[in-house]
Amino acid sequence: MDRAQLRIALFDALQAANVPEAFDEDLRRSFLDEGKDVDLSQLEMDSLARMEFCIAVELSLGVTLLPRQVQELGSTGAIERFVAEKLA
């Protein structure tokens, strides 16, 4: 899986976690097209959103990610690296 596909899967997981309103068009474009690293605290994900995000990641990518790991990793870039390592 290439980086663009991984970022699309993570973006889709964020949408599944009901945080799409946090992604305005500029942030969405910079995340998907330019590889911007988004600080997850900026998205104000509660515990349910983190759980939904983890489930979506596992369903789409086959990688188990726990809500506490999402909190510890703290950014989309760190999660992307974590998932890429698991897929390698």
N, C-alpha and C. Protein backbone atom coordinates (compact mmCIF):
# COMPACT_ATOMS: atom_id res chain seq x y z
N MET A 1 0.86 -1.18 0.00
CA MET A 1 0.00 0.00 0.00
C MET A 1 0.90 1.24 0.00
N ASP A 2 0.63 2.16 -0.91
CA ASP A 2 1.45 3.36 -0.94
C ASP A 2 0.94 4.40 0.06
N ARG A 3 1.72 5.43 0.23
CA ARG A 3 1.42 6.44 1.24
C ARG A 3 0.09 7.14 0.98
N ALA A 4 -0.21 7.44 -0.28
CA ALA A 4 -1.46 8.12 -0.61
C ALA A 4 -2.67 7.26 -0.23
N GLN A 5 -2.59 5.96 -0.50
CA GLN A 5 -3.69 5.06 -0.15
C GLN A 5 -3.85 4.97 1.36
N LEU A 6 -2.75 4.94 2.07
CA LEU A 6 -2.79 4.88 3.53
C LEU A 6 -3.43 6.14 4.09
N ARG A 7 -3.06 7.29 3.57
CA ARG A 7 -3.63 8.55 4.05
C ARG A 7 -5.12 8.63 3.74
N ILE A 8 -5.54 8.13 2.59
CA ILE A 8 -6.97 8.11 2.27
C ILE A 8 -7.70 7.22 3.27
N ALA A 9 -7.12 6.06 3.59
CA ALA A 9 -7.74 5.16 4.56
C ALA A 9 -7.84 5.82 5.94
N LEU A 10 -6.81 6.55 6.34
CA LEU A 10 -6.86 7.25 7.63
C LEU A 10 -7.89 8.37 7.60
N PHE A 11 -7.97 9.08 6.49
CA PHE A 11 -8.98 10.14 6.37
C PHE A 11 -10.38 9.53 6.46
N ASP A 12 -10.59 8.41 5.77
CA ASP A 12 -11.89 7.73 5.83
C ASP A 12 -12.20 7.28 7.25
N ALA A 13 -11.19 6.82 7.98
CA ALA A 13 -11.39 6.41 9.37
C ALA A 13 -11.76 7.61 10.24
N LEU A 14 -11.16 8.76 9.97
CA LEU A 14 -11.53 9.97 10.70
C LEU A 14 -12.97 10.36 10.41
N GLN A 15 -13.40 10.19 9.18
CA GLN A 15 -14.79 10.46 8.85
C GLN A 15 -15.72 9.49 9.57
N ALA A 16 -15.32 8.22 9.65
CA ALA A 16 -16.12 7.22 10.37
C ALA A 16 -16.22 7.56 11.85
N ALA A 17 -15.21 8.25 12.36
CA ALA A 17 -15.19 8.64 13.77
C ALA A 17 -15.95 9.94 14.01
N ASN A 18 -16.62 10.40 12.97
CA ASN A 18 -17.45 11.61 13.07
C ASN A 18 -16.67 12.87 13.42
N VAL A 19 -15.48 13.00 12.84
CA VAL A 19 -14.74 14.24 13.01
C VAL A 19 -14.54 14.99 11.68
N PRO A 20 -15.36 14.70 10.66
CA PRO A 20 -15.12 15.39 9.39
C PRO A 20 -15.32 16.90 9.47
N GLU A 21 -16.16 17.35 10.39
CA GLU A 21 -16.37 18.79 10.51
C GLU A 21 -15.10 19.52 10.92
N ALA A 22 -14.17 18.80 11.52
CA ALA A 22 -12.90 19.41 11.90
C ALA A 22 -11.99 19.60 10.69
N PHE A 23 -12.29 18.89 9.61
CA PHE A 23 -11.50 18.99 8.40
C PHE A 23 -12.19 19.93 7.43
N ASP A 24 -11.78 21.19 7.43
CA ASP A 24 -12.30 22.08 6.40
C ASP A 24 -11.58 21.73 5.09
N GLU A 25 -11.98 22.33 4.01
CA GLU A 25 -11.45 21.97 2.70
C GLU A 25 -9.93 22.17 2.63
N ASP A 26 -9.41 23.23 3.21
CA ASP A 26 -7.97 23.47 3.18
C ASP A 26 -7.21 22.40 3.95
N LEU A 27 -7.69 22.03 5.13
CA LEU A 27 -7.02 21.00 5.93
C LEU A 27 -7.12 19.64 5.24
N ARG A 28 -8.28 19.33 4.67
CA ARG A 28 -8.44 18.07 3.95
C ARG A 28 -7.45 17.98 2.79
N ARG A 29 -7.36 19.04 2.02
CA ARG A 29 -6.45 19.06 0.87
C ARG A 29 -5.00 18.94 1.32
N SER A 30 -4.62 19.70 2.34
CA SER A 30 -3.23 19.63 2.80
C SER A 30 -2.90 18.28 3.42
N PHE A 31 -3.89 17.63 4.05
CA PHE A 31 -3.68 16.30 4.62
C PHE A 31 -3.51 15.26 3.52
N LEU A 32 -4.44 15.25 2.55
CA LEU A 32 -4.41 14.22 1.51
C LEU A 32 -3.38 14.50 0.43
N ASP A 33 -3.25 15.73 0.01
CA ASP A 33 -2.40 16.05 -1.13
C ASP A 33 -0.97 16.41 -0.76
N GLU A 34 -0.80 17.04 0.40
CA GLU A 34 0.52 17.54 0.77
C GLU A 34 1.15 16.78 1.92
N GLY A 35 0.41 15.84 2.51
CA GLY A 35 0.96 15.04 3.59
C GLY A 35 1.06 15.74 4.93
N LYS A 36 0.22 16.76 5.15
CA LYS A 36 0.24 17.49 6.42
C LYS A 36 0.02 16.54 7.59
N ASP A 37 0.78 16.72 8.64
CA ASP A 37 0.64 15.98 9.88
C ASP A 37 -0.33 16.75 10.77
N VAL A 38 -1.46 16.13 11.11
CA VAL A 38 -2.49 16.79 11.90
C VAL A 38 -2.40 16.34 13.34
N ASP A 39 -2.32 17.30 14.24
CA ASP A 39 -2.34 17.05 15.68
C ASP A 39 -3.76 16.62 16.05
N LEU A 40 -3.91 15.43 16.60
CA LEU A 40 -5.25 14.91 16.88
C LEU A 40 -5.97 15.70 17.97
N SER A 41 -5.24 16.39 18.83
CA SER A 41 -5.91 17.21 19.84
C SER A 41 -6.69 18.34 19.17
N GLN A 42 -6.27 18.73 18.00
CA GLN A 42 -6.96 19.77 17.22
C GLN A 42 -8.34 19.27 16.77
N LEU A 43 -8.51 17.95 16.67
CA LEU A 43 -9.77 17.39 16.20
C LEU A 43 -10.76 17.12 17.32
N GLU A 44 -10.32 17.25 18.56
CA GLU A 44 -11.17 17.08 19.73
C GLU A 44 -11.93 15.75 19.71
N MET A 45 -11.19 14.67 19.51
CA MET A 45 -11.80 13.34 19.49
C MET A 45 -12.08 12.87 20.92
N ASP A 46 -13.31 12.50 21.18
CA ASP A 46 -13.63 11.93 22.49
C ASP A 46 -13.35 10.42 22.44
N SER A 47 -13.62 9.73 23.54
CA SER A 47 -13.28 8.30 23.61
C SER A 47 -14.07 7.48 22.59
N LEU A 48 -15.31 7.82 22.34
CA LEU A 48 -16.09 7.10 21.34
C LEU A 48 -15.53 7.33 19.94
N ALA A 49 -15.14 8.54 19.63
CA ALA A 49 -14.55 8.84 18.32
C ALA A 49 -13.24 8.09 18.13
N ARG A 50 -12.42 8.01 19.18
CA ARG A 50 -11.17 7.24 19.08
C ARG A 50 -11.46 5.77 18.82
N MET A 51 -12.47 5.22 19.51
CA MET A 51 -12.83 3.82 19.31
C MET A 51 -13.34 3.59 17.88
N GLU A 52 -14.19 4.47 17.38
CA GLU A 52 -14.70 4.34 16.02
C GLU A 52 -13.56 4.46 15.00
N PHE A 53 -12.62 5.34 15.26
CA PHE A 53 -11.47 5.49 14.39
C PHE A 53 -10.67 4.19 14.35
N CYS A 54 -10.41 3.60 15.51
CA CYS A 54 -9.65 2.35 15.59
C CYS A 54 -10.36 1.22 14.86
N ILE A 55 -11.66 1.13 15.02
CA ILE A 55 -12.42 0.08 14.34
C ILE A 55 -12.33 0.27 12.83
N ALA A 56 -12.47 1.51 12.36
CA ALA A 56 -12.39 1.78 10.93
C ALA A 56 -11.01 1.46 10.37
N VAL A 57 -9.97 1.76 11.14
CA VAL A 57 -8.60 1.43 10.71
C VAL A 57 -8.45 -0.08 10.59
N GLU A 58 -8.92 -0.80 11.59
CA GLU A 58 -8.79 -2.25 11.55
C GLU A 58 -9.59 -2.87 10.40
N LEU A 59 -10.79 -2.38 10.17
CA LEU A 59 -11.61 -2.92 9.09
C LEU A 59 -11.02 -2.63 7.71
N SER A 60 -10.48 -1.44 7.54
CA SER A 60 -9.98 -1.08 6.21
C SER A 60 -8.55 -1.52 5.95
N LEU A 61 -7.73 -1.55 7.00
CA LEU A 61 -6.31 -1.83 6.81
C LEU A 61 -5.85 -3.14 7.45
N GLY A 62 -6.67 -3.70 8.34
CA GLY A 62 -6.30 -4.94 8.99
C GLY A 62 -5.27 -4.77 10.09
N VAL A 63 -5.10 -3.55 10.56
CA VAL A 63 -4.13 -3.27 11.62
C VAL A 63 -4.88 -2.91 12.90
N THR A 64 -4.55 -3.60 13.97
CA THR A 64 -5.18 -3.29 15.26
C THR A 64 -4.52 -2.07 15.87
N LEU A 65 -5.35 -1.12 16.20
CA LEU A 65 -4.91 0.13 16.83
C LEU A 65 -5.86 0.37 18.00
N LEU A 66 -5.31 0.55 19.18
CA LEU A 66 -6.12 0.76 20.37
C LEU A 66 -6.35 2.25 20.62
N PRO A 67 -7.48 2.60 21.23
CA PRO A 67 -7.74 4.01 21.51
C PRO A 67 -6.63 4.69 22.32
N ARG A 68 -6.05 3.97 23.27
CA ARG A 68 -4.95 4.58 24.04
C ARG A 68 -3.74 4.85 23.16
N GLN A 69 -3.52 3.99 22.15
CA GLN A 69 -2.42 4.21 21.23
C GLN A 69 -2.66 5.47 20.39
N VAL A 70 -3.90 5.66 19.99
CA VAL A 70 -4.24 6.87 19.23
C VAL A 70 -3.88 8.10 20.07
N GLN A 71 -4.26 8.06 21.33
CA GLN A 71 -3.97 9.17 22.23
C GLN A 71 -2.47 9.35 22.42
N GLU A 72 -1.75 8.25 22.60
CA GLU A 72 -0.31 8.31 22.81
C GLU A 72 0.43 8.78 21.56
N LEU A 73 0.01 8.28 20.39
CA LEU A 73 0.68 8.66 19.15
C LEU A 73 0.43 10.14 18.85
N GLY A 74 -0.78 10.60 19.03
CA GLY A 74 -1.07 12.03 19.04
C GLY A 74 -1.19 12.77 17.72
N SER A 75 -0.80 12.15 16.61
CA SER A 75 -0.89 12.87 15.33
C SER A 75 -1.13 11.87 14.20
N THR A 76 -1.63 12.39 13.11
CA THR A 76 -1.88 11.52 11.96
C THR A 76 -0.57 10.97 11.41
N GLY A 77 0.50 11.75 11.47
CA GLY A 77 1.79 11.28 10.98
C GLY A 77 2.31 10.11 11.79
N ALA A 78 2.18 10.18 13.10
CA ALA A 78 2.63 9.10 13.97
C ALA A 78 1.78 7.85 13.75
N ILE A 79 0.48 8.03 13.57
CA ILE A 79 -0.39 6.88 13.30
C ILE A 79 -0.06 6.29 11.94
N GLU A 80 0.19 7.14 10.97
CA GLU A 80 0.56 6.66 9.64
C GLU A 80 1.83 5.80 9.71
N ARG A 81 2.84 6.25 10.44
CA ARG A 81 4.07 5.49 10.58
C ARG A 81 3.83 4.16 11.31
N PHE A 82 3.02 4.20 12.37
CA PHE A 82 2.68 3.00 13.13
C PHE A 82 2.00 1.97 12.22
N VAL A 83 1.01 2.41 11.46
CA VAL A 83 0.27 1.50 10.58
C VAL A 83 1.19 0.98 9.47
N ALA A 84 2.00 1.85 8.90
CA ALA A 84 2.93 1.43 7.83
C ALA A 84 3.88 0.36 8.33
N GLU A 85 4.39 0.51 9.56
CA GLU A 85 5.28 -0.50 10.13
C GLU A 85 4.57 -1.83 10.30
N LYS A 86 3.31 -1.81 10.72
CA LYS A 86 2.54 -3.03 10.91
C LYS A 86 2.24 -3.71 9.57
N LEU A 87 2.06 -2.91 8.53
CA LEU A 87 1.77 -3.46 7.20
C LEU A 87 3.01 -4.01 6.50
N ALA A 88 4.20 -3.54 6.94
CA ALA A 88 5.45 -3.95 6.27
C ALA A 88 5.81 -5.39 6.57
